[in-house]
Amino acid sequence: MGNYLLDGTAGTNDPYPLDIDPPIFTESPIDITCDFGSTGNFIEWIAYDDHPQTYYIYKDFVQVETGNWYNMTPISINIDGLDIGTYTYLLTLFDTFGNFEMDAVEVTVETVGVIEFKQITYVIQVLIGLTIITLFIGKKKK
């Protein structure tokens, strides 16, 4: 934004112009899917504003982090350790004039690569069934 000329005959510049523009996300992540138990998972945003100030990160509408943000400097949060399910992360950015912008990312944690108890039980049942059938067929042949 910068200085601008004030109306009138004095020809004075206003060094504190009113900022009505909200922050702009220059990089915003798409929704994320990760494996349960995996590590190194982050959500990262990058934004710009003439007067950056404060950010808030919410997970399912509960504030989990806050701080000051700076132009073109990543704002990130580690999402390791989440249970299986779907979560909504919301970043809200404010500038010093109270303008704000928000971005939401949906995080889905899946069981890919993890054998669930139901799957193990099913495999055991199939093996027992095959063993019984094999024994039954073996006795009939004798």
C-alpha atoms as a PDB file:
ATOM      1  CA  MET A   1       0.000   0.000   0.000  1.00  0.00           C
ATOM      2  CA  GLY A   2       2.320   2.820   1.109  1.00  0.00           C
ATOM      3  CA  ASN A   3       1.886   6.571   1.516  1.00  0.00           C
ATOM      4  CA  TYR A   4      -0.772   8.475  -0.359  1.00  0.00           C
ATOM      5  CA  LEU A   5      -1.512  12.151  -0.943  1.00  0.00           C
ATOM      6  CA  LEU A   6      -4.100  13.714   1.376  1.00  0.00           C
ATOM      7  CA  ASP A   7      -6.778  15.968  -0.073  1.00  0.00           C
ATOM      8  CA  GLY A   8      -6.264  19.667   0.519  1.00  0.00           C
ATOM      9  CA  THR A   9      -3.815  22.432  -0.232  1.00  0.00           C
ATOM     10  CA  ALA A  10      -0.960  21.335   2.051  1.00  0.00           C
ATOM     11  CA  GLY A  11       0.178  18.478  -0.222  1.00  0.00           C
ATOM     12  CA  THR A  12       0.737  16.176   2.785  1.00  0.00           C
ATOM     13  CA  ASN A  13       1.282  12.415   2.622  1.00  0.00           C
ATOM     14  CA  ASP A  14      -0.455  10.117   5.121  1.00  0.00           C
ATOM     15  CA  PRO A  15       2.206   7.689   6.439  1.00  0.00           C
ATOM     16  CA  TYR A  16      -0.523   5.465   7.966  1.00  0.00           C
ATOM     17  CA  PRO A  17      -3.034   4.696   5.239  1.00  0.00           C
ATOM     18  CA  LEU A  18      -6.057   2.541   6.017  1.00  0.00           C
ATOM     19  CA  ASP A  19      -5.590  -1.066   4.890  1.00  0.00           C
ATOM     20  CA  ILE A  20      -8.834  -2.747   3.821  1.00  0.00           C
ATOM     21  CA  ASP A  21      -7.267  -5.687   1.989  1.00  0.00           C
ATOM     22  CA  PRO A  22      -7.278  -9.095   3.710  1.00  0.00           C
ATOM     23  CA  PRO A  23      -4.203 -11.338   3.754  1.00  0.00           C
ATOM     24  CA  ILE A  24      -3.622 -13.409   0.613  1.00  0.00           C
ATOM     25  CA  PHE A  25      -2.670 -17.091   0.647  1.00  0.00           C
ATOM     26  CA  THR A  26       0.170 -17.564  -1.818  1.00  0.00           C
ATOM     27  CA  GLU A  27       0.411 -21.302  -1.034  1.00  0.00           C
ATOM     28  CA  SER A  28      -2.485 -23.236   0.413  1.00  0.00           C
ATOM     29  CA  PRO A  29      -2.491 -27.023   0.817  1.00  0.00           C
ATOM     30  CA  ILE A  30      -5.047 -29.372  -0.642  1.00  0.00           C
ATOM     31  CA  ASP A  31      -6.770 -31.944   1.562  1.00  0.00           C
ATOM     32  CA  ILE A  32      -4.362 -34.503   3.013  1.00  0.00           C
ATOM     33  CA  THR A  33      -4.601 -38.268   3.456  1.00  0.00           C
ATOM     34  CA  CYS A  34      -1.970 -40.056   5.539  1.00  0.00           C
ATOM     35  CA  ASP A  35      -1.432 -43.509   6.989  1.00  0.00           C
ATOM     36  CA  PHE A  36      -2.110 -44.180  10.650  1.00  0.00           C
ATOM     37  CA  GLY A  37       1.182 -44.205  12.555  1.00  0.00           C
ATOM     38  CA  SER A  38       3.174 -42.478   9.806  1.00  0.00           C
ATOM     39  CA  THR A  39       5.463 -39.569  10.686  1.00  0.00           C
ATOM     40  CA  GLY A  40       6.646 -36.373   9.035  1.00  0.00           C
ATOM     41  CA  ASN A  41       3.132 -35.145   8.215  1.00  0.00           C
ATOM     42  CA  PHE A  42       2.604 -31.378   8.204  1.00  0.00           C
ATOM     43  CA  ILE A  43       0.126 -28.830   6.944  1.00  0.00           C
ATOM     44  CA  GLU A  44       1.873 -25.720   5.633  1.00  0.00           C
ATOM     45  CA  TRP A  45       0.531 -22.376   4.442  1.00  0.00           C
ATOM     46  CA  ILE A  46       2.293 -19.289   3.056  1.00  0.00           C
ATOM     47  CA  ALA A  47       0.611 -15.880   2.897  1.00  0.00           C
ATOM     48  CA  TYR A  48       1.206 -12.205   2.185  1.00  0.00           C
ATOM     49  CA  ASP A  49      -0.181  -8.965   3.625  1.00  0.00           C
ATOM     50  CA  ASP A  50       1.117  -5.408   3.920  1.00  0.00           C
ATOM     51  CA  HIS A  51       0.628  -5.564   7.693  1.00  0.00           C
ATOM     52  CA  PRO A  52       0.693  -9.203   8.913  1.00  0.00           C
ATOM     53  CA  GLN A  53      -0.048  -9.829  12.556  1.00  0.00           C
ATOM     54  CA  THR A  54      -1.579 -12.930  14.155  1.00  0.00           C
ATOM     55  CA  TYR A  55      -2.642 -16.429  13.137  1.00  0.00           C
ATOM     56  CA  TYR A  56      -4.848 -19.036  14.790  1.00  0.00           C
ATOM     57  CA  ILE A  57      -4.999 -22.734  13.917  1.00  0.00           C
ATOM     58  CA  TYR A  58      -8.053 -24.767  14.887  1.00  0.00           C
ATOM     59  CA  LYS A  59      -8.537 -28.546  14.789  1.00  0.00           C
ATOM     60  CA  ASP A  60     -12.218 -29.418  14.602  1.00  0.00           C
ATOM     61  CA  PHE A  61     -13.092 -25.903  15.862  1.00  0.00           C
ATOM     62  CA  VAL A  62     -10.788 -26.093  18.899  1.00  0.00           C
ATOM     63  CA  GLN A  63      -7.826 -23.682  18.896  1.00  0.00           C
ATOM     64  CA  VAL A  64      -4.565 -25.643  18.931  1.00  0.00           C
ATOM     65  CA  GLU A  65      -2.002 -22.962  18.074  1.00  0.00           C
ATOM     66  CA  THR A  66      -1.562 -19.205  17.754  1.00  0.00           C
ATOM     67  CA  GLY A  67       1.308 -16.871  16.972  1.00  0.00           C
ATOM     68  CA  ASN A  68       2.588 -14.033  14.822  1.00  0.00           C
ATOM     69  CA  TRP A  69       3.027 -14.584  11.111  1.00  0.00           C
ATOM     70  CA  TYR A  70       5.369 -12.944   8.624  1.00  0.00           C
ATOM     71  CA  ASN A  71       5.137 -12.390   4.892  1.00  0.00           C
ATOM     72  CA  MET A  72       6.116 -15.374   2.769  1.00  0.00           C
ATOM     73  CA  THR A  73       7.249 -17.356   5.839  1.00  0.00           C
ATOM     74  CA  PRO A  74       5.618 -20.796   6.192  1.00  0.00           C
ATOM     75  CA  ILE A  75       3.041 -21.366   8.907  1.00  0.00           C
ATOM     76  CA  SER A  76       2.972 -25.080   9.640  1.00  0.00           C
ATOM     77  CA  ILE A  77       1.553 -27.597  12.063  1.00  0.00           C
ATOM     78  CA  ASN A  78       2.614 -31.198  12.638  1.00  0.00           C
ATOM     79  CA  ILE A  79      -0.272 -33.645  12.269  1.00  0.00           C
ATOM     80  CA  ASP A  80       1.529 -36.836  13.355  1.00  0.00           C
ATOM     81  CA  GLY A  81      -0.121 -38.947  16.033  1.00  0.00           C
ATOM     82  CA  LEU A  82      -3.731 -38.506  14.956  1.00  0.00           C
ATOM     83  CA  ASP A  83      -6.102 -41.426  15.398  1.00  0.00           C
ATOM     84  CA  ILE A  84      -7.876 -42.970  12.430  1.00  0.00           C
ATOM     85  CA  GLY A  85     -10.565 -40.575  11.224  1.00  0.00           C
ATOM     86  CA  THR A  86     -11.139 -37.246   9.508  1.00  0.00           C
ATOM     87  CA  TYR A  87     -10.196 -33.860  10.940  1.00  0.00           C
ATOM     88  CA  THR A  88     -10.671 -30.266   9.783  1.00  0.00           C
ATOM     89  CA  TYR A  89      -7.820 -27.821  10.319  1.00  0.00           C
ATOM     90  CA  LEU A  90      -8.631 -24.129   9.907  1.00  0.00           C
ATOM     91  CA  LEU A  91      -6.038 -21.351   9.680  1.00  0.00           C
ATOM     92  CA  THR A  92      -7.238 -17.804  10.292  1.00  0.00           C
ATOM     93  CA  LEU A  93      -4.857 -14.933   9.505  1.00  0.00           C
ATOM     94  CA  PHE A  94      -5.277 -11.382  10.798  1.00  0.00           C
ATOM     95  CA  ASP A  95      -3.449  -8.205   9.839  1.00  0.00           C
ATOM     96  CA  THR A  96      -2.957  -5.168  12.084  1.00  0.00           C
ATOM     97  CA  PHE A  97      -6.103  -3.524  10.672  1.00  0.00           C
ATOM     98  CA  GLY A  98      -8.326  -6.471  11.622  1.00  0.00           C
ATOM     99  CA  ASN A  99      -8.672  -7.815   8.095  1.00  0.00           C
ATOM    100  CA  PHE A 100      -8.667 -11.586   7.999  1.00  0.00           C
ATOM    101  CA  GLU A 101      -8.612 -14.594   5.703  1.00  0.00           C
ATOM    102  CA  MET A 102      -9.262 -18.278   6.403  1.00  0.00           C
ATOM    103  CA  ASP A 103      -8.309 -21.577   4.810  1.00  0.00           C
ATOM    104  CA  ALA A 104      -9.474 -25.067   5.789  1.00  0.00           C
ATOM    105  CA  VAL A 105      -7.737 -28.385   5.147  1.00  0.00           C
ATOM    106  CA  GLU A 106      -9.343 -31.774   5.674  1.00  0.00           C
ATOM    107  CA  VAL A 107      -6.974 -34.421   7.050  1.00  0.00           C
ATOM    108  CA  THR A 108      -7.936 -38.081   6.708  1.00  0.00           C
ATOM    109  CA  VAL A 109      -5.959 -40.717   8.614  1.00  0.00           C
ATOM    110  CA  GLU A 110      -6.395 -44.188   7.135  1.00  0.00           C
ATOM    111  CA  THR A 111      -5.507 -47.725   8.155  1.00  0.00           C
ATOM    112  CA  VAL A 112      -3.514 -48.390   4.984  1.00  0.00           C
ATOM    113  CA  GLY A 113      -0.813 -50.933   5.795  1.00  0.00           C
ATOM    114  CA  VAL A 114      -2.246 -51.732   9.217  1.00  0.00           C
ATOM    115  CA  ILE A 115      -4.026 -55.046   9.715  1.00  0.00           C
ATOM    116  CA  GLU A 116      -7.095 -54.580  11.854  1.00  0.00           C
ATOM    117  CA  PHE A 117      -8.252 -57.096  14.451  1.00  0.00           C
ATOM    118  CA  LYS A 118     -11.350 -57.938  12.338  1.00  0.00           C
ATOM    119  CA  GLN A 119      -9.120 -58.825   9.386  1.00  0.00           C
ATOM    120  CA  ILE A 120      -6.950 -61.122  11.527  1.00  0.00           C
ATOM    121  CA  THR A 121     -10.047 -62.827  12.970  1.00  0.00           C
ATOM    122  CA  TYR A 122     -11.431 -63.390   9.467  1.00  0.00           C
ATOM    123  CA  VAL A 123      -8.150 -64.917   8.236  1.00  0.00           C
ATOM    124  CA  ILE A 124      -8.043 -67.265  11.258  1.00  0.00           C
ATOM    125  CA  GLN A 125     -11.644 -68.339  10.650  1.00  0.00           C
ATOM    126  CA  VAL A 126     -10.899 -69.094   6.982  1.00  0.00           C
ATOM    127  CA  LEU A 127      -7.807 -71.122   7.925  1.00  0.00           C
ATOM    128  CA  ILE A 128      -9.766 -73.131  10.520  1.00  0.00           C
ATOM    129  CA  GLY A 129     -12.500 -73.761   7.970  1.00  0.00           C
ATOM    130  CA  LEU A 130     -10.002 -74.944   5.346  1.00  0.00           C
ATOM    131  CA  THR A 131      -8.318 -77.220   7.905  1.00  0.00           C
ATOM    132  CA  ILE A 132     -11.652 -78.824   8.840  1.00  0.00           C
ATOM    133  CA  ILE A 133     -12.553 -79.324   5.182  1.00  0.00           C
ATOM    134  CA  THR A 134      -9.133 -80.848   4.464  1.00  0.00           C
ATOM    135  CA  LEU A 135      -9.443 -83.222   7.436  1.00  0.00           C
ATOM    136  CA  PHE A 136     -12.988 -84.203   6.427  1.00  0.00           C
ATOM    137  CA  ILE A 137     -11.968 -84.909   2.819  1.00  0.00           C
ATOM    138  CA  GLY A 138      -8.901 -86.857   4.029  1.00  0.00           C
ATOM    139  CA  LYS A 139     -11.052 -89.126   6.234  1.00  0.00           C
ATOM    140  CA  LYS A 140     -13.524 -89.825   3.412  1.00  0.00           C
ATOM    141  CA  LYS A 141     -10.724 -91.024   1.094  1.00  0.00           C
ATOM    142  CA  LYS A 142      -9.475 -93.653   3.635  1.00  0.00           C
END
